[in-house]
PDB file of N, CA and C in Angstrom:
ATOM      1  N   MET A   1       5.935  -2.192  -3.937  1.00  0.00           N
ATOM      2  CA  MET A   1       5.401  -2.676  -2.663  1.00  0.00           C
ATOM      3  C   MET A   1       4.088  -1.939  -2.365  1.00  0.00           C
ATOM      4  N   SER A   2       3.155  -2.663  -1.820  1.00  0.00           N
ATOM      5  CA  SER A   2       1.888  -2.016  -1.492  1.00  0.00           C
ATOM      6  C   SER A   2       1.829  -1.703   0.005  1.00  0.00           C
ATOM      7  N   VAL A   3       0.815  -0.968   0.388  1.00  0.00           N
ATOM      8  CA  VAL A   3       0.626  -0.587   1.784  1.00  0.00           C
ATOM      9  C   VAL A   3      -0.177  -1.688   2.471  1.00  0.00           C
ATOM     10  N   LYS A   4       0.314  -2.152   3.615  1.00  0.00           N
ATOM     11  CA  LYS A   4      -0.348  -3.240   4.339  1.00  0.00           C
ATOM     12  C   LYS A   4      -0.960  -2.704   5.631  1.00  0.00           C
ATOM     13  N   ALA A   5      -2.171  -3.130   5.915  1.00  0.00           N
ATOM     14  CA  ALA A   5      -2.828  -2.732   7.164  1.00  0.00           C
ATOM     15  C   ALA A   5      -2.281  -3.556   8.326  1.00  0.00           C
ATOM     16  N   ILE A   6      -2.031  -2.913   9.443  1.00  0.00           N
ATOM     17  CA  ILE A   6      -1.583  -3.608  10.652  1.00  0.00           C
ATOM     18  C   ILE A   6      -2.823  -3.974  11.458  1.00  0.00           C
ATOM     19  N   ALA A   7      -2.954  -5.265  11.768  1.00  0.00           N
ATOM     20  CA  ALA A   7      -4.197  -5.775  12.344  1.00  0.00           C
ATOM     21  C   ALA A   7      -4.151  -6.032  13.852  1.00  0.00           C
ATOM     22  N   SER A   8      -2.967  -5.884  14.466  1.00  0.00           N
ATOM     23  CA  SER A   8      -2.894  -6.137  15.909  1.00  0.00           C
ATOM     24  C   SER A   8      -1.685  -5.434  16.511  1.00  0.00           C
ATOM     25  N   TYR A   9      -1.730  -5.261  17.829  1.00  0.00           N
ATOM     26  CA  TYR A   9      -0.614  -4.648  18.549  1.00  0.00           C
ATOM     27  C   TYR A   9       0.640  -5.510  18.416  1.00  0.00           C
ATOM     28  N   ALA A  10       0.465  -6.834  18.486  1.00  0.00           N
ATOM     29  CA  ALA A  10       1.608  -7.751  18.364  1.00  0.00           C
ATOM     30  C   ALA A  10       2.263  -7.616  16.985  1.00  0.00           C
ATOM     31  N   GLU A  11       1.435  -7.512  15.946  1.00  0.00           N
ATOM     32  CA  GLU A  11       1.961  -7.346  14.594  1.00  0.00           C
ATOM     33  C   GLU A  11       2.706  -6.011  14.482  1.00  0.00           C
ATOM     34  N   PHE A  12       2.156  -4.954  15.077  1.00  0.00           N
ATOM     35  CA  PHE A  12       2.807  -3.640  15.091  1.00  0.00           C
ATOM     36  C   PHE A  12       4.198  -3.746  15.713  1.00  0.00           C
ATOM     37  N   GLN A  13       4.289  -4.388  16.882  1.00  0.00           N
ATOM     38  CA  GLN A  13       5.582  -4.549  17.566  1.00  0.00           C
ATOM     39  C   GLN A  13       6.576  -5.320  16.700  1.00  0.00           C
ATOM     40  N   GLU A  14       6.085  -6.381  16.065  1.00  0.00           N
ATOM     41  CA  GLU A  14       6.946  -7.203  15.207  1.00  0.00           C
ATOM     42  C   GLU A  14       7.485  -6.365  14.034  1.00  0.00           C
ATOM     43  N   ILE A  15       6.606  -5.565  13.423  1.00  0.00           N
ATOM     44  CA  ILE A  15       6.993  -4.759  12.258  1.00  0.00           C
ATOM     45  C   ILE A  15       8.000  -3.677  12.642  1.00  0.00           C
ATOM     46  N   ILE A  16       7.736  -2.923  13.706  1.00  0.00           N
ATOM     47  CA  ILE A  16       8.649  -1.811  14.027  1.00  0.00           C
ATOM     48  C   ILE A  16       9.983  -2.303  14.593  1.00  0.00           C
ATOM     49  N   ASN A  17      10.018  -3.542  15.072  1.00  0.00           N
ATOM     50  CA  ASN A  17      11.267  -4.095  15.616  1.00  0.00           C
ATOM     51  C   ASN A  17      11.951  -5.057  14.647  1.00  0.00           C
ATOM     52  N   SER A  18      11.550  -5.005  13.368  1.00  0.00           N
ATOM     53  CA  SER A  18      12.066  -5.952  12.372  1.00  0.00           C
ATOM     54  C   SER A  18      13.460  -5.592  11.867  1.00  0.00           C
ATOM     55  N   GLY A  19      13.954  -4.392  12.226  1.00  0.00           N
ATOM     56  CA  GLY A  19      15.245  -3.960  11.704  1.00  0.00           C
ATOM     57  C   GLY A  19      15.107  -3.160  10.418  1.00  0.00           C
ATOM     58  N   LYS A  20      13.890  -3.153   9.832  1.00  0.00           N
ATOM     59  CA  LYS A  20      13.648  -2.365   8.619  1.00  0.00           C
ATOM     60  C   LYS A  20      13.163  -0.975   9.004  1.00  0.00           C
ATOM     61  N   VAL A  21      13.309  -0.050   8.072  1.00  0.00           N
ATOM     62  CA  VAL A  21      12.714   1.275   8.231  1.00  0.00           C
ATOM     63  C   VAL A  21      11.266   1.159   7.765  1.00  0.00           C
ATOM     64  N   VAL A  22      10.334   1.612   8.601  1.00  0.00           N
ATOM     65  CA  VAL A  22       8.924   1.515   8.230  1.00  0.00           C
ATOM     66  C   VAL A  22       8.239   2.872   8.348  1.00  0.00           C
ATOM     67  N   ALA A  23       7.321   3.119   7.404  1.00  0.00           N
ATOM     68  CA  ALA A  23       6.486   4.314   7.393  1.00  0.00           C
ATOM     69  C   ALA A  23       5.064   3.865   7.685  1.00  0.00           C
ATOM     70  N   ILE A  24       4.440   4.453   8.704  1.00  0.00           N
ATOM     71  CA  ILE A  24       3.085   4.059   9.076  1.00  0.00           C
ATOM     72  C   ILE A  24       2.160   5.263   8.996  1.00  0.00           C
ATOM     73  N   ASP A  25       1.045   5.058   8.296  1.00  0.00           N
ATOM     74  CA  ASP A  25      -0.014   6.056   8.151  1.00  0.00           C
ATOM     75  C   ASP A  25      -1.067   5.763   9.229  1.00  0.00           C
ATOM     76  N   PHE A  26      -1.188   6.652  10.203  1.00  0.00           N
ATOM     77  CA  PHE A  26      -2.235   6.530  11.223  1.00  0.00           C
ATOM     78  C   PHE A  26      -3.428   7.340  10.741  1.00  0.00           C
ATOM     79  N   TRP A  27      -4.552   6.665  10.503  1.00  0.00           N
ATOM     80  CA  TRP A  27      -5.701   7.284   9.860  1.00  0.00           C
ATOM     81  C   TRP A  27      -6.999   6.808  10.521  1.00  0.00           C
ATOM     82  N   ALA A  28      -8.109   7.410  10.089  1.00  0.00           N
ATOM     83  CA  ALA A  28      -9.439   7.003  10.553  1.00  0.00           C
ATOM     84  C   ALA A  28     -10.403   7.068   9.371  1.00  0.00           C
ATOM     85  N   THR A  29     -11.374   6.168   9.360  1.00  0.00           N
ATOM     86  CA  THR A  29     -12.321   6.090   8.239  1.00  0.00           C
ATOM     87  C   THR A  29     -13.119   7.382   8.081  1.00  0.00           C
ATOM     88  N   TRP A  30     -13.393   8.077   9.173  1.00  0.00           N
ATOM     89  CA  TRP A  30     -14.207   9.299   9.148  1.00  0.00           C
ATOM     90  C   TRP A  30     -13.406  10.555   8.825  1.00  0.00           C
ATOM     91  N   CYS A  31     -12.115  10.419   8.637  1.00  0.00           N
ATOM     92  CA  CYS A  31     -11.217  11.572   8.455  1.00  0.00           C
ATOM     93  C   CYS A  31     -11.066  11.904   6.971  1.00  0.00           C
ATOM     94  N   GLY A  32     -11.636  13.055   6.551  1.00  0.00           N
ATOM     95  CA  GLY A  32     -11.558  13.486   5.162  1.00  0.00           C
ATOM     96  C   GLY A  32     -10.133  13.679   4.654  1.00  0.00           C
ATOM     97  N   PRO A  33      -9.277  14.418   5.379  1.00  0.00           N
ATOM     98  CA  PRO A  33      -7.892  14.587   4.925  1.00  0.00           C
ATOM     99  C   PRO A  33      -7.148  13.244   4.797  1.00  0.00           C
ATOM    100  N   CYS A  34      -7.498  12.271   5.651  1.00  0.00           N
ATOM    101  CA  CYS A  34      -6.871  10.941   5.562  1.00  0.00           C
ATOM    102  C   CYS A  34      -7.191  10.302   4.210  1.00  0.00           C
ATOM    103  N   ARG A  35      -8.468  10.378   3.832  1.00  0.00           N
ATOM    104  CA  ARG A  35      -8.884   9.797   2.546  1.00  0.00           C
ATOM    105  C   ARG A  35      -8.239  10.536   1.382  1.00  0.00           C
ATOM    106  N   ALA A  36      -8.038  11.846   1.539  1.00  0.00           N
ATOM    107  CA  ALA A  36      -7.443  12.645   0.461  1.00  0.00           C
ATOM    108  C   ALA A  36      -5.973  12.295   0.233  1.00  0.00           C
ATOM    109  N   ILE A  37      -5.227  12.047   1.304  1.00  0.00           N
ATOM    110  CA  ILE A  37      -3.778  11.816   1.146  1.00  0.00           C
ATOM    111  C   ILE A  37      -3.432  10.333   0.983  1.00  0.00           C
ATOM    112  N   SER A  38      -4.364   9.449   1.287  1.00  0.00           N
ATOM    113  CA  SER A  38      -4.104   8.015   1.178  1.00  0.00           C
ATOM    114  C   SER A  38      -3.551   7.603  -0.195  1.00  0.00           C
ATOM    115  N   PRO A  39      -4.120   8.086  -1.321  1.00  0.00           N
ATOM    116  CA  PRO A  39      -3.559   7.702  -2.629  1.00  0.00           C
ATOM    117  C   PRO A  39      -2.118   8.172  -2.822  1.00  0.00           C
ATOM    118  N   VAL A  40      -1.749   9.296  -2.197  1.00  0.00           N
ATOM    119  CA  VAL A  40      -0.371   9.797  -2.290  1.00  0.00           C
ATOM    120  C   VAL A  40       0.573   8.825  -1.581  1.00  0.00           C
ATOM    121  N   PHE A  41       0.179   8.373  -0.382  1.00  0.00           N
ATOM    122  CA  PHE A  41       0.970   7.399   0.391  1.00  0.00           C
ATOM    123  C   PHE A  41       1.115   6.101  -0.412  1.00  0.00           C
ATOM    124  N   GLU A  42       0.005   5.648  -1.025  1.00  0.00           N
ATOM    125  CA  GLU A  42       0.026   4.413  -1.834  1.00  0.00           C
ATOM    126  C   GLU A  42       1.000   4.557  -3.006  1.00  0.00           C
ATOM    127  N   LYS A  43       0.979   5.715  -3.675  1.00  0.00           N
ATOM    128  CA  LYS A  43       1.879   5.937  -4.824  1.00  0.00           C
ATOM    129  C   LYS A  43       3.344   5.929  -4.384  1.00  0.00           C
ATOM    130  N   LEU A  44       3.621   6.552  -3.234  1.00  0.00           N
ATOM    131  CA  LEU A  44       5.003   6.561  -2.727  1.00  0.00           C
ATOM    132  C   LEU A  44       5.468   5.135  -2.434  1.00  0.00           C
ATOM    133  N   ALA A  45       4.563   4.308  -1.907  1.00  0.00           N
ATOM    134  CA  ALA A  45       4.905   2.917  -1.579  1.00  0.00           C
ATOM    135  C   ALA A  45       5.250   2.120  -2.830  1.00  0.00           C
ATOM    136  N   GLU A  46       4.659   2.495  -3.962  1.00  0.00           N
ATOM    137  CA  GLU A  46       4.878   1.748  -5.201  1.00  0.00           C
ATOM    138  C   GLU A  46       6.141   2.167  -5.938  1.00  0.00           C
ATOM    139  N   LYS A  47       6.743   3.287  -5.552  1.00  0.00           N
ATOM    140  CA  LYS A  47       7.941   3.761  -6.253  1.00  0.00           C
ATOM    141  C   LYS A  47       9.138   2.866  -5.913  1.00  0.00           C
ATOM    142  N   PRO A  48       9.846   2.367  -6.942  1.00  0.00           N
ATOM    143  CA  PRO A  48      10.984   1.469  -6.689  1.00  0.00           C
ATOM    144  C   PRO A  48      12.068   2.101  -5.817  1.00  0.00           C
ATOM    145  N   GLU A  49      12.247   3.438  -5.917  1.00  0.00           N
ATOM    146  CA  GLU A  49      13.311   4.073  -5.131  1.00  0.00           C
ATOM    147  C   GLU A  49      13.022   4.065  -3.629  1.00  0.00           C
ATOM    148  N   HIS A  50      11.790   3.737  -3.243  1.00  0.00           N
ATOM    149  CA  HIS A  50      11.453   3.641  -1.824  1.00  0.00           C
ATOM    150  C   HIS A  50      11.357   2.179  -1.370  1.00  0.00           C
ATOM    151  N   GLY A  51      11.971   1.279  -2.136  1.00  0.00           N
ATOM    152  CA  GLY A  51      11.863  -0.159  -1.882  1.00  0.00           C
ATOM    153  C   GLY A  51      12.410  -0.622  -0.548  1.00  0.00           C
ATOM    154  N   GLY A  52      13.309   0.168   0.045  1.00  0.00           N
ATOM    155  CA  GLY A  52      13.883  -0.240   1.319  1.00  0.00           C
ATOM    156  C   GLY A  52      13.015   0.104   2.519  1.00  0.00           C
ATOM    157  N   VAL A  53      11.933   0.839   2.274  1.00  0.00           N
ATOM    158  CA  VAL A  53      11.041   1.265   3.348  1.00  0.00           C
ATOM    159  C   VAL A  53       9.771   0.427   3.306  1.00  0.00           C
ATOM    160  N   GLY A  54       9.320  -0.049   4.467  1.00  0.00           N
ATOM    161  CA  GLY A  54       8.046  -0.761   4.537  1.00  0.00           C
ATOM    162  C   GLY A  54       6.917   0.228   4.771  1.00  0.00           C
ATOM    163  N   PHE A  55       5.821   0.083   4.050  1.00  0.00           N
ATOM    164  CA  PHE A  55       4.683   1.001   4.157  1.00  0.00           C
ATOM    165  C   PHE A  55       3.491   0.295   4.785  1.00  0.00           C
ATOM    166  N   TYR A  56       2.941   0.892   5.855  1.00  0.00           N
ATOM    167  CA  TYR A  56       1.830   0.289   6.600  1.00  0.00           C
ATOM    168  C   TYR A  56       0.803   1.346   6.969  1.00  0.00           C
ATOM    169  N   LYS A  57      -0.397   0.870   7.311  1.00  0.00           N
ATOM    170  CA  LYS A  57      -1.488   1.752   7.762  1.00  0.00           C
ATOM    171  C   LYS A  57      -2.034   1.215   9.073  1.00  0.00           C
ATOM    172  N   VAL A  58      -2.441   2.119   9.948  1.00  0.00           N
ATOM    173  CA  VAL A  58      -3.116   1.737  11.186  1.00  0.00           C
ATOM    174  C   VAL A  58      -4.400   2.560  11.288  1.00  0.00           C
ATOM    175  N   ASP A  59      -5.534   1.868  11.349  1.00  0.00           N
ATOM    176  CA  ASP A  59      -6.822   2.522  11.598  1.00  0.00           C
ATOM    177  C   ASP A  59      -6.887   2.770  13.107  1.00  0.00           C
ATOM    178  N   VAL A  60      -6.838   4.033  13.504  1.00  0.00           N
ATOM    179  CA  VAL A  60      -6.744   4.361  14.933  1.00  0.00           C
ATOM    180  C   VAL A  60      -7.988   3.933  15.716  1.00  0.00           C
ATOM    181  N   ASP A  61      -9.129   3.819  15.034  1.00  0.00           N
ATOM    182  CA  ASP A  61     -10.346   3.395  15.729  1.00  0.00           C
ATOM    183  C   ASP A  61     -10.364   1.892  15.992  1.00  0.00           C
ATOM    184  N   SER A  62      -9.789   1.104  15.083  1.00  0.00           N
ATOM    185  CA  SER A  62      -9.777  -0.341  15.308  1.00  0.00           C
ATOM    186  C   SER A  62      -8.538  -0.794  16.082  1.00  0.00           C
ATOM    187  N   GLN A  63      -7.505   0.072  16.175  1.00  0.00           N
ATOM    188  CA  GLN A  63      -6.274  -0.263  16.913  1.00  0.00           C
ATOM    189  C   GLN A  63      -5.913   0.857  17.893  1.00  0.00           C
ATOM    190  N   PRO A  64      -6.802   1.146  18.869  1.00  0.00           N
ATOM    191  CA  PRO A  64      -6.541   2.280  19.777  1.00  0.00           C
ATOM    192  C   PRO A  64      -5.292   2.100  20.635  1.00  0.00           C
ATOM    193  N   ASP A  65      -4.919   0.857  20.966  1.00  0.00           N
ATOM    194  CA  ASP A  65      -3.730   0.649  21.802  1.00  0.00           C
ATOM    195  C   ASP A  65      -2.458   1.018  21.051  1.00  0.00           C
ATOM    196  N   ILE A  66      -2.421   0.790  19.741  1.00  0.00           N
ATOM    197  CA  ILE A  66      -1.251   1.193  18.947  1.00  0.00           C
ATOM    198  C   ILE A  66      -1.190   2.721  18.888  1.00  0.00           C
ATOM    199  N   ALA A  67      -2.336   3.349  18.598  1.00  0.00           N
ATOM    200  CA  ALA A  67      -2.383   4.813  18.502  1.00  0.00           C
ATOM    201  C   ALA A  67      -1.951   5.453  19.819  1.00  0.00           C
ATOM    202  N   GLN A  68      -2.380   4.873  20.933  1.00  0.00           N
ATOM    203  CA  GLN A  68      -2.029   5.413  22.245  1.00  0.00           C
ATOM    204  C   GLN A  68      -0.532   5.251  22.507  1.00  0.00           C
ATOM    205  N   GLU A  69       0.009   4.092  22.191  1.00  0.00           N
ATOM    206  CA  GLU A  69       1.435   3.821  22.404  1.00  0.00           C
ATOM    207  C   GLU A  69       2.306   4.825  21.631  1.00  0.00           C
ATOM    208  N   VAL A  70       1.901   5.158  20.402  1.00  0.00           N
ATOM    209  CA  VAL A  70       2.684   6.052  19.554  1.00  0.00           C
ATOM    210  C   VAL A  70       2.409   7.521  19.886  1.00  0.00           C
ATOM    211  N   GLY A  71       1.297   7.779  20.587  1.00  0.00           N
ATOM    212  CA  GLY A  71       0.975   9.149  20.975  1.00  0.00           C
ATOM    213  C   GLY A  71       0.275   9.928  19.872  1.00  0.00           C
ATOM    214  N   ILE A  72      -0.551   9.255  19.115  1.00  0.00           N
ATOM    215  CA  ILE A  72      -1.266   9.907  18.005  1.00  0.00           C
ATOM    216  C   ILE A  72      -2.355  10.812  18.581  1.00  0.00           C
ATOM    217  N   ARG A  73      -2.323  12.084  18.175  1.00  0.00           N
ATOM    218  CA  ARG A  73      -3.319  13.049  18.660  1.00  0.00           C
ATOM    219  C   ARG A  73      -4.146  13.655  17.541  1.00  0.00           C
ATOM    220  N   ALA A  74      -3.722  13.474  16.293  1.00  0.00           N
ATOM    221  CA  ALA A  74      -4.451  14.021  15.146  1.00  0.00           C
ATOM    222  C   ALA A  74      -4.244  13.088  13.955  1.00  0.00           C
ATOM    223  N   MET A  75      -5.207  13.095  13.048  1.00  0.00           N
ATOM    224  CA  MET A  75      -5.088  12.292  11.845  1.00  0.00           C
ATOM    225  C   MET A  75      -5.180  13.206  10.627  1.00  0.00           C
ATOM    226  N   PRO A  76      -4.438  12.854   9.559  1.00  0.00           N
ATOM    227  CA  PRO A  76      -3.492  11.739   9.529  1.00  0.00           C
ATOM    228  C   PRO A  76      -2.161  12.112  10.180  1.00  0.00           C
ATOM    229  N   THR A  77      -1.515  11.107  10.741  1.00  0.00           N
ATOM    230  CA  THR A  77      -0.146  11.253  11.228  1.00  0.00           C
ATOM    231  C   THR A  77       0.672  10.148  10.580  1.00  0.00           C
ATOM    232  N   PHE A  78       1.793  10.519   9.999  1.00  0.00           N
ATOM    233  CA  PHE A  78       2.702   9.562   9.375  1.00  0.00           C
ATOM    234  C   PHE A  78       3.939   9.473  10.261  1.00  0.00           C
ATOM    235  N   VAL A  79       4.303   8.252  10.637  1.00  0.00           N
ATOM    236  CA  VAL A  79       5.439   8.065  11.544  1.00  0.00           C
ATOM    237  C   VAL A  79       6.452   7.126  10.897  1.00  0.00           C
ATOM    238  N   ILE A  80       7.721   7.493  11.002  1.00  0.00           N
ATOM    239  CA  ILE A  80       8.823   6.651  10.528  1.00  0.00           C
ATOM    240  C   ILE A  80       9.454   5.982  11.745  1.00  0.00           C
ATOM    241  N   PHE A  81       9.604   4.661  11.674  1.00  0.00           N
ATOM    242  CA  PHE A  81      10.249   3.893  12.739  1.00  0.00           C
ATOM    243  C   PHE A  81      11.492   3.209  12.193  1.00  0.00           C
ATOM    244  N   LYS A  82      12.503   3.119  13.046  1.00  0.00           N
ATOM    245  CA  LYS A  82      13.680   2.299  12.762  1.00  0.00           C
ATOM    246  C   LYS A  82      14.111   1.663  14.065  1.00  0.00           C
ATOM    247  N   ASP A  83      14.313   0.354  14.029  1.00  0.00           N
ATOM    248  CA  ASP A  83      14.751  -0.406  15.207  1.00  0.00           C
ATOM    249  C   ASP A  83      13.844  -0.153  16.413  1.00  0.00           C
ATOM    250  N   GLY A  84      12.543  -0.072  16.172  1.00  0.00           N
ATOM    251  CA  GLY A  84      11.582   0.087  17.259  1.00  0.00           C
ATOM    252  C   GLY A  84      11.417   1.507  17.756  1.00  0.00           C
ATOM    253  N   ASN A  85      12.177   2.450  17.217  1.00  0.00           N
ATOM    254  CA  ASN A  85      12.108   3.843  17.677  1.00  0.00           C
ATOM    255  C   ASN A  85      11.455   4.738  16.640  1.00  0.00           C
ATOM    256  N   LYS A  86      10.675   5.693  17.126  1.00  0.00           N
ATOM    257  CA  LYS A  86      10.096   6.710  16.250  1.00  0.00           C
ATOM    258  C   LYS A  86      11.217   7.677  15.910  1.00  0.00           C
ATOM    259  N   VAL A  87      11.528   7.828  14.615  1.00  0.00           N
ATOM    260  CA  VAL A  87      12.624   8.704  14.221  1.00  0.00           C
ATOM    261  C   VAL A  87      12.143   9.979  13.530  1.00  0.00           C
ATOM    262  N   ASN A  88      10.887   9.985  13.070  1.00  0.00           N
ATOM    263  CA  ASN A  88      10.379  11.163  12.379  1.00  0.00           C
ATOM    264  C   ASN A  88       8.864  11.051  12.297  1.00  0.00           C
ATOM    265  N   GLU A  89       8.181  12.198  12.189  1.00  0.00           N
ATOM    266  CA  GLU A  89       6.738  12.139  11.995  1.00  0.00           C
ATOM    267  C   GLU A  89       6.238  13.393  11.294  1.00  0.00           C
ATOM    268  N   LEU A  90       5.085  13.242  10.666  1.00  0.00           N
ATOM    269  CA  LEU A  90       4.414  14.337   9.987  1.00  0.00           C
ATOM    270  C   LEU A  90       2.944  14.273  10.376  1.00  0.00           C
ATOM    271  N   VAL A  91       2.427  15.390  10.891  1.00  0.00           N
ATOM    272  CA  VAL A  91       1.005  15.479  11.202  1.00  0.00           C
ATOM    273  C   VAL A  91       0.357  16.339  10.131  1.00  0.00           C
ATOM    274  N   GLY A  92      -0.674  15.794   9.480  1.00  0.00           N
ATOM    275  CA  GLY A  92      -1.382  16.549   8.452  1.00  0.00           C
ATOM    276  C   GLY A  92      -1.271  15.920   7.082  1.00  0.00           C
ATOM    277  N   ALA A  93      -2.091  16.434   6.159  1.00  0.00           N
ATOM    278  CA  ALA A  93      -2.201  15.862   4.816  1.00  0.00           C
ATOM    279  C   ALA A  93      -1.516  16.746   3.783  1.00  0.00           C
ATOM    280  N   SER A  94      -0.199  16.845   3.851  1.00  0.00           N
ATOM    281  CA  SER A  94       0.570  17.653   2.909  1.00  0.00           C
ATOM    282  C   SER A  94       1.390  16.744   1.996  1.00  0.00           C
ATOM    283  N   PRO A  95       0.969  16.562   0.730  1.00  0.00           N
ATOM    284  CA  PRO A  95       1.735  15.682  -0.167  1.00  0.00           C
ATOM    285  C   PRO A  95       3.219  16.028  -0.268  1.00  0.00           C
ATOM    286  N   PRO A  96       3.607  17.325  -0.430  1.00  0.00           N
ATOM    287  CA  PRO A  96       5.049  17.610  -0.522  1.00  0.00           C
ATOM    288  C   PRO A  96       5.799  17.231   0.764  1.00  0.00           C
ATOM    289  N   GLN A  97       5.197  17.489   1.923  1.00  0.00           N
ATOM    290  CA  GLN A  97       5.869  17.138   3.183  1.00  0.00           C
ATOM    291  C   GLN A  97       5.926  15.620   3.367  1.00  0.00           C
ATOM    292  N   LEU A  98       4.892  14.915   2.916  1.00  0.00           N
ATOM    293  CA  LEU A  98       4.900  13.454   3.016  1.00  0.00           C
ATOM    294  C   LEU A  98       6.017  12.878   2.147  1.00  0.00           C
ATOM    295  N   GLU A  99       6.165  13.428   0.952  1.00  0.00           N
ATOM    296  CA  GLU A  99       7.241  12.964   0.081  1.00  0.00           C
ATOM    297  C   GLU A  99       8.604  13.215   0.715  1.00  0.00           C
ATOM    298  N   GLN A 100       8.798  14.376   1.338  1.00  0.00           N
ATOM    299  CA  GLN A 100      10.056  14.679   2.032  1.00  0.00           C
ATOM    300  C   GLN A 100      10.307  13.704   3.183  1.00  0.00           C
ATOM    301  N   LEU A 101       9.229  13.361   3.921  1.00  0.00           N
ATOM    302  CA  LEU A 101       9.342  12.418   5.032  1.00  0.00           C
ATOM    303  C   LEU A 101       9.832  11.065   4.533  1.00  0.00           C
ATOM    304  N   VAL A 102       9.255  10.595   3.426  1.00  0.00           N
ATOM    305  CA  VAL A 102       9.634   9.297   2.871  1.00  0.00           C
ATOM    306  C   VAL A 102      11.058   9.340   2.313  1.00  0.00           C
ATOM    307  N   LEU A 103      11.431  10.442   1.678  1.00  0.00           N
ATOM    308  CA  LEU A 103      12.800  10.580   1.179  1.00  0.00           C
ATOM    309  C   LEU A 103      13.805  10.533   2.329  1.00  0.00           C
ATOM    310  N   ALA A 104      13.476  11.191   3.439  1.00  0.00           N
ATOM    311  CA  ALA A 104      14.344  11.163   4.620  1.00  0.00           C
ATOM    312  C   ALA A 104      14.414   9.740   5.180  1.00  0.00           C
ATOM    313  N   ALA A 105      13.299   9.019   5.148  1.00  0.00           N
ATOM    314  CA  ALA A 105      13.291   7.628   5.644  1.00  0.00           C
ATOM    315  C   ALA A 105      14.209   6.756   4.783  1.00  0.00           C
ATOM    316  N   ASN A 106      14.230   7.018   3.474  1.00  0.00           N
ATOM    317  CA  ASN A 106      15.109   6.265   2.571  1.00  0.00           C
ATOM    318  C   ASN A 106      16.564   6.373   2.975  1.00  0.00           C
ATOM    319  N   SER A 107      16.952   7.543   3.487  1.00  0.00           N
ATOM    320  CA  SER A 107      18.350   7.750   3.866  1.00  0.00           C
ATOM    321  C   SER A 107      18.728   6.935   5.108  1.00  0.00           C
ATOM    322  N   LEU A 108      17.726   6.399   5.809  1.00  0.00           N
ATOM    323  CA  LEU A 108      17.980   5.593   7.008  1.00  0.00           C
ATOM    324  C   LEU A 108      18.174   4.111   6.679  1.00  0.00           C
ATOM    325  N   VAL A 109      17.807   3.724   5.446  1.00  0.00           N
ATOM    326  CA  VAL A 109      17.817   2.304   5.064  1.00  0.00           C
ATOM    327  C   VAL A 109      19.232   1.768   5.039  1.00  0.00           C
TER     328      VAL A 109
END
C-alpha cells in the first residue's frame, strides 16, 4: 500500500471514521526533518505486515483546519487514529520510534 495525501477536511473525517486504523504523517514542504523521514514512512506503508493500517499524509500548510483539529504543534507529527479517535502519536523524525508506532498500530487492527 502506498501513502495517500489527504486533500480536504471532509476526506480526513471520512478516513479517520472509516473503522480502519490509520497512520497520518503531518508534514510541511519547508520542514527538513519531514523530508528526511518521509521515505521511512513510505517504506513502512509498503510492508505487507502493515497491510491492515492505512497510511496518509497531511500537508499542514495546505490543510490548516485538519492540523488545528488534531492539535499539531510541530512537524513531523505522526498520529494513529482508530474509530475517529487519536490513539497514539509521535512528534519528531525518529525512524526507530516511527517503526514502533506503526507496530503498535498493527496491534489495533
